[in-house]
Amino acid sequence: GQQAMWSHLGAILANVLGYLTAVTWVLTWLPGLIIRGSSTATDFDRRHATESLNFQLTMLLIAVSGTLVGIMTLLIGFIVIIPLLIIFQIVGLVFTIQATIAGSNLKEYRYPISIRFVK
C-alpha cells in the first residue's frame, strides 16, 4: 500500500520540483524505479511501481517529442505544442492522482494511456 502510493505520489512531487528547477522534471520516473527494485516492496507495490514507471516514461517521451517538434519547426510549432503539452500535463496529473488514491486503497490501477516500456 504505502510504497504503491508513493510510486505515484513521488512522481507528482518530482514534477512539482521540476517546475521550480527545470531539471528534476526528467526524473519523475525515478520513484517507480526505486520502489520496483526495493527489497521490501510487495508484488502489489511492484505492479504499481511498474505502472508509474511506464506512465512517467510515456509522459517524458511526449514532452521530449513535443519539444523537438517545436524546435524543428523553427519555434512556430510551439504555438500548437505548448497548449498540447499543458493539456497532457493536466491529464497526466489527474491519472497520477487516481493511481495514488488506488495505491493507498490497495486497489490495482492501470494508466489509460501508457506505453509498456517495462513489464
C-alpha atoms as a PDB file:
ATOM      1  CA  GLY A   1       0.000   0.000   0.000  1.00  0.00           C
ATOM      2  CA  GLN A   2       2.393   2.702   1.135  1.00  0.00           C
ATOM      3  CA  GLN A   3       5.076   2.020  -1.449  1.00  0.00           C
ATOM      4  CA  ALA A   4       2.423   1.614  -4.158  1.00  0.00           C
ATOM      5  CA  MET A   5       1.029   5.032  -3.259  1.00  0.00           C
ATOM      6  CA  TRP A   6       4.488   6.635  -3.139  1.00  0.00           C
ATOM      7  CA  SER A   7       5.434   5.284  -6.562  1.00  0.00           C
ATOM      8  CA  HIS A   8       2.799   7.668  -7.967  1.00  0.00           C
ATOM      9  CA  LEU A   9       2.932  10.461  -5.386  1.00  0.00           C
ATOM     10  CA  GLY A  10       6.709  10.664  -5.736  1.00  0.00           C
ATOM     11  CA  ALA A  11       6.236  11.325  -9.458  1.00  0.00           C
ATOM     12  CA  ILE A  12       3.860  14.195  -8.667  1.00  0.00           C
ATOM     13  CA  LEU A  13       6.375  15.688  -6.224  1.00  0.00           C
ATOM     14  CA  ALA A  14       9.208  15.334  -8.770  1.00  0.00           C
ATOM     15  CA  ASN A  15       7.012  17.068 -11.347  1.00  0.00           C
ATOM     16  CA  VAL A  16       6.328  19.990  -8.985  1.00  0.00           C
ATOM     17  CA  LEU A  17      10.044  20.276  -8.242  1.00  0.00           C
ATOM     18  CA  GLY A  18      10.635  20.185 -11.993  1.00  0.00           C
ATOM     19  CA  TYR A  19       8.646  23.368 -12.445  1.00  0.00           C
ATOM     20  CA  LEU A  20      10.855  25.026  -9.856  1.00  0.00           C
ATOM     21  CA  THR A  21      14.235  23.743 -11.033  1.00  0.00           C
ATOM     22  CA  ALA A  22      13.710  22.861 -14.737  1.00  0.00           C
ATOM     23  CA  VAL A  23      15.874  19.767 -14.213  1.00  0.00           C
ATOM     24  CA  THR A  24      14.032  17.315 -11.997  1.00  0.00           C
ATOM     25  CA  TRP A  25      11.049  17.003 -14.359  1.00  0.00           C
ATOM     26  CA  VAL A  26      13.033  14.384 -16.228  1.00  0.00           C
ATOM     27  CA  LEU A  27      13.287  12.325 -13.025  1.00  0.00           C
ATOM     28  CA  THR A  28       9.559  11.670 -12.486  1.00  0.00           C
ATOM     29  CA  TRP A  29      10.159   8.025 -13.405  1.00  0.00           C
ATOM     30  CA  LEU A  30      12.683   7.559 -10.584  1.00  0.00           C
ATOM     31  CA  PRO A  31      10.235   6.778  -7.694  1.00  0.00           C
ATOM     32  CA  GLY A  32       8.742   3.902  -9.689  1.00  0.00           C
ATOM     33  CA  LEU A  33      12.183   2.534 -10.498  1.00  0.00           C
ATOM     34  CA  ILE A  34      13.385   2.750  -6.895  1.00  0.00           C
ATOM     35  CA  ILE A  35      10.280   1.118  -5.430  1.00  0.00           C
ATOM     36  CA  ARG A  36      10.274  -1.538  -8.156  1.00  0.00           C
ATOM     37  CA  GLY A  37      13.785  -2.567  -7.056  1.00  0.00           C
ATOM     38  CA  SER A  38      13.123  -2.292  -3.322  1.00  0.00           C
ATOM     39  CA  SER A  39      13.674  -5.462  -1.307  1.00  0.00           C
ATOM     40  CA  THR A  40      10.728  -4.565   0.943  1.00  0.00           C
ATOM     41  CA  ALA A  41       8.251  -3.999  -1.906  1.00  0.00           C
ATOM     42  CA  THR A  42       5.418  -6.495  -2.284  1.00  0.00           C
ATOM     43  CA  ASP A  43       4.190  -7.777  -5.651  1.00  0.00           C
ATOM     44  CA  PHE A  44       1.362  -5.215  -5.366  1.00  0.00           C
ATOM     45  CA  ASP A  45       3.881  -2.409  -4.788  1.00  0.00           C
ATOM     46  CA  ARG A  46       5.963  -3.578  -7.761  1.00  0.00           C
ATOM     47  CA  ARG A  47       2.906  -3.638 -10.054  1.00  0.00           C
ATOM     48  CA  HIS A  48       2.091  -0.058  -9.068  1.00  0.00           C
ATOM     49  CA  ALA A  49       5.725   0.997  -9.399  1.00  0.00           C
ATOM     50  CA  THR A  50       5.879  -0.541 -12.884  1.00  0.00           C
ATOM     51  CA  GLU A  51       2.679   1.283 -13.885  1.00  0.00           C
ATOM     52  CA  SER A  52       4.088   4.554 -12.573  1.00  0.00           C
ATOM     53  CA  LEU A  53       7.438   3.993 -14.276  1.00  0.00           C
ATOM     54  CA  ASN A  54       5.817   3.238 -17.650  1.00  0.00           C
ATOM     55  CA  PHE A  55       3.446   6.191 -17.457  1.00  0.00           C
ATOM     56  CA  GLN A  56       6.123   8.676 -16.422  1.00  0.00           C
ATOM     57  CA  LEU A  57       8.408   7.440 -19.214  1.00  0.00           C
ATOM     58  CA  THR A  58       5.494   7.865 -21.650  1.00  0.00           C
ATOM     59  CA  MET A  59       4.919  11.426 -20.426  1.00  0.00           C
ATOM     60  CA  LEU A  60       8.648  12.154 -20.739  1.00  0.00           C
ATOM     61  CA  LEU A  61       8.619  10.830 -24.310  1.00  0.00           C
ATOM     62  CA  ILE A  62       5.650  13.079 -25.140  1.00  0.00           C
ATOM     63  CA  ALA A  63       7.373  16.138 -23.630  1.00  0.00           C
ATOM     64  CA  VAL A  64      10.684  15.495 -25.405  1.00  0.00           C
ATOM     65  CA  SER A  65       8.927  14.770 -28.717  1.00  0.00           C
ATOM     66  CA  GLY A  66       6.850  17.940 -28.439  1.00  0.00           C
ATOM     67  CA  THR A  67       9.914  19.996 -27.650  1.00  0.00           C
ATOM     68  CA  LEU A  68      11.816  18.547 -30.606  1.00  0.00           C
ATOM     69  CA  VAL A  69       8.889  19.247 -32.965  1.00  0.00           C
ATOM     70  CA  GLY A  70       8.783  22.818 -31.688  1.00  0.00           C
ATOM     71  CA  ILE A  71      12.491  23.286 -32.294  1.00  0.00           C
ATOM     72  CA  MET A  72      12.441  21.593 -35.718  1.00  0.00           C
ATOM     73  CA  THR A  73       9.656  23.911 -36.896  1.00  0.00           C
ATOM     74  CA  LEU A  74      11.780  26.926 -36.021  1.00  0.00           C
ATOM     75  CA  LEU A  75       9.735  27.534 -32.863  1.00  0.00           C
ATOM     76  CA  ILE A  76       6.489  28.096 -34.818  1.00  0.00           C
ATOM     77  CA  GLY A  77       5.320  24.630 -33.768  1.00  0.00           C
ATOM     78  CA  PHE A  78       5.365  25.731 -30.132  1.00  0.00           C
ATOM     79  CA  ILE A  79       2.168  27.703 -30.833  1.00  0.00           C
ATOM     80  CA  VAL A  80       0.414  24.331 -31.029  1.00  0.00           C
ATOM     81  CA  ILE A  81       2.787  22.213 -28.942  1.00  0.00           C
ATOM     82  CA  ILE A  82       2.751  24.277 -25.739  1.00  0.00           C
ATOM     83  CA  PRO A  83      -1.048  24.128 -25.269  1.00  0.00           C
ATOM     84  CA  LEU A  84      -0.969  20.384 -26.064  1.00  0.00           C
ATOM     85  CA  LEU A  85       1.799  19.787 -23.529  1.00  0.00           C
ATOM     86  CA  ILE A  86      -0.173  21.710 -20.901  1.00  0.00           C
ATOM     87  CA  ILE A  87      -3.223  19.535 -21.614  1.00  0.00           C
ATOM     88  CA  PHE A  88      -1.078  16.380 -21.350  1.00  0.00           C
ATOM     89  CA  GLN A  89       0.327  17.626 -18.035  1.00  0.00           C
ATOM     90  CA  ILE A  90      -3.158  18.207 -16.613  1.00  0.00           C
ATOM     91  CA  VAL A  91      -4.458  14.845 -17.844  1.00  0.00           C
ATOM     92  CA  GLY A  92      -1.292  13.174 -16.551  1.00  0.00           C
ATOM     93  CA  LEU A  93      -1.747  14.773 -13.144  1.00  0.00           C
ATOM     94  CA  VAL A  94      -5.361  13.559 -12.956  1.00  0.00           C
ATOM     95  CA  PHE A  95      -4.318   9.994 -13.867  1.00  0.00           C
ATOM     96  CA  THR A  96      -1.450  10.081 -11.372  1.00  0.00           C
ATOM     97  CA  ILE A  97      -3.752  11.285  -8.580  1.00  0.00           C
ATOM     98  CA  GLN A  98      -6.188   8.469  -9.433  1.00  0.00           C
ATOM     99  CA  ALA A  99      -3.302   5.981  -9.303  1.00  0.00           C
ATOM    100  CA  THR A 100      -2.099   7.395  -5.970  1.00  0.00           C
ATOM    101  CA  ILE A 101      -5.563   7.010  -4.455  1.00  0.00           C
ATOM    102  CA  ALA A 102      -5.893   3.472  -5.838  1.00  0.00           C
ATOM    103  CA  GLY A 103      -2.488   2.510  -4.418  1.00  0.00           C
ATOM    104  CA  SER A 104      -3.304   3.910  -0.989  1.00  0.00           C
ATOM    105  CA  ASN A 105      -6.629   1.999  -1.022  1.00  0.00           C
ATOM    106  CA  LEU A 106      -4.852  -1.243  -2.018  1.00  0.00           C
ATOM    107  CA  LYS A 107      -6.550  -1.329  -5.422  1.00  0.00           C
ATOM    108  CA  GLU A 108      -4.975  -2.093  -8.779  1.00  0.00           C
ATOM    109  CA  TYR A 109      -4.617   0.720 -11.327  1.00  0.00           C
ATOM    110  CA  ARG A 110      -3.602   0.833 -14.988  1.00  0.00           C
ATOM    111  CA  TYR A 111      -2.962   4.166 -16.635  1.00  0.00           C
ATOM    112  CA  PRO A 112      -5.319   4.634 -19.619  1.00  0.00           C
ATOM    113  CA  ILE A 113      -2.519   5.946 -21.842  1.00  0.00           C
ATOM    114  CA  SER A 114       0.854   4.388 -21.290  1.00  0.00           C
ATOM    115  CA  ILE A 115       3.498   2.676 -23.369  1.00  0.00           C
ATOM    116  CA  ARG A 116       4.596  -0.555 -21.701  1.00  0.00           C
ATOM    117  CA  PHE A 117       8.356   0.015 -21.725  1.00  0.00           C
ATOM    118  CA  VAL A 118       8.860  -2.193 -18.656  1.00  0.00           C
ATOM    119  CA  LYS A 119       6.975  -5.408 -17.979  1.00  0.00           C
END
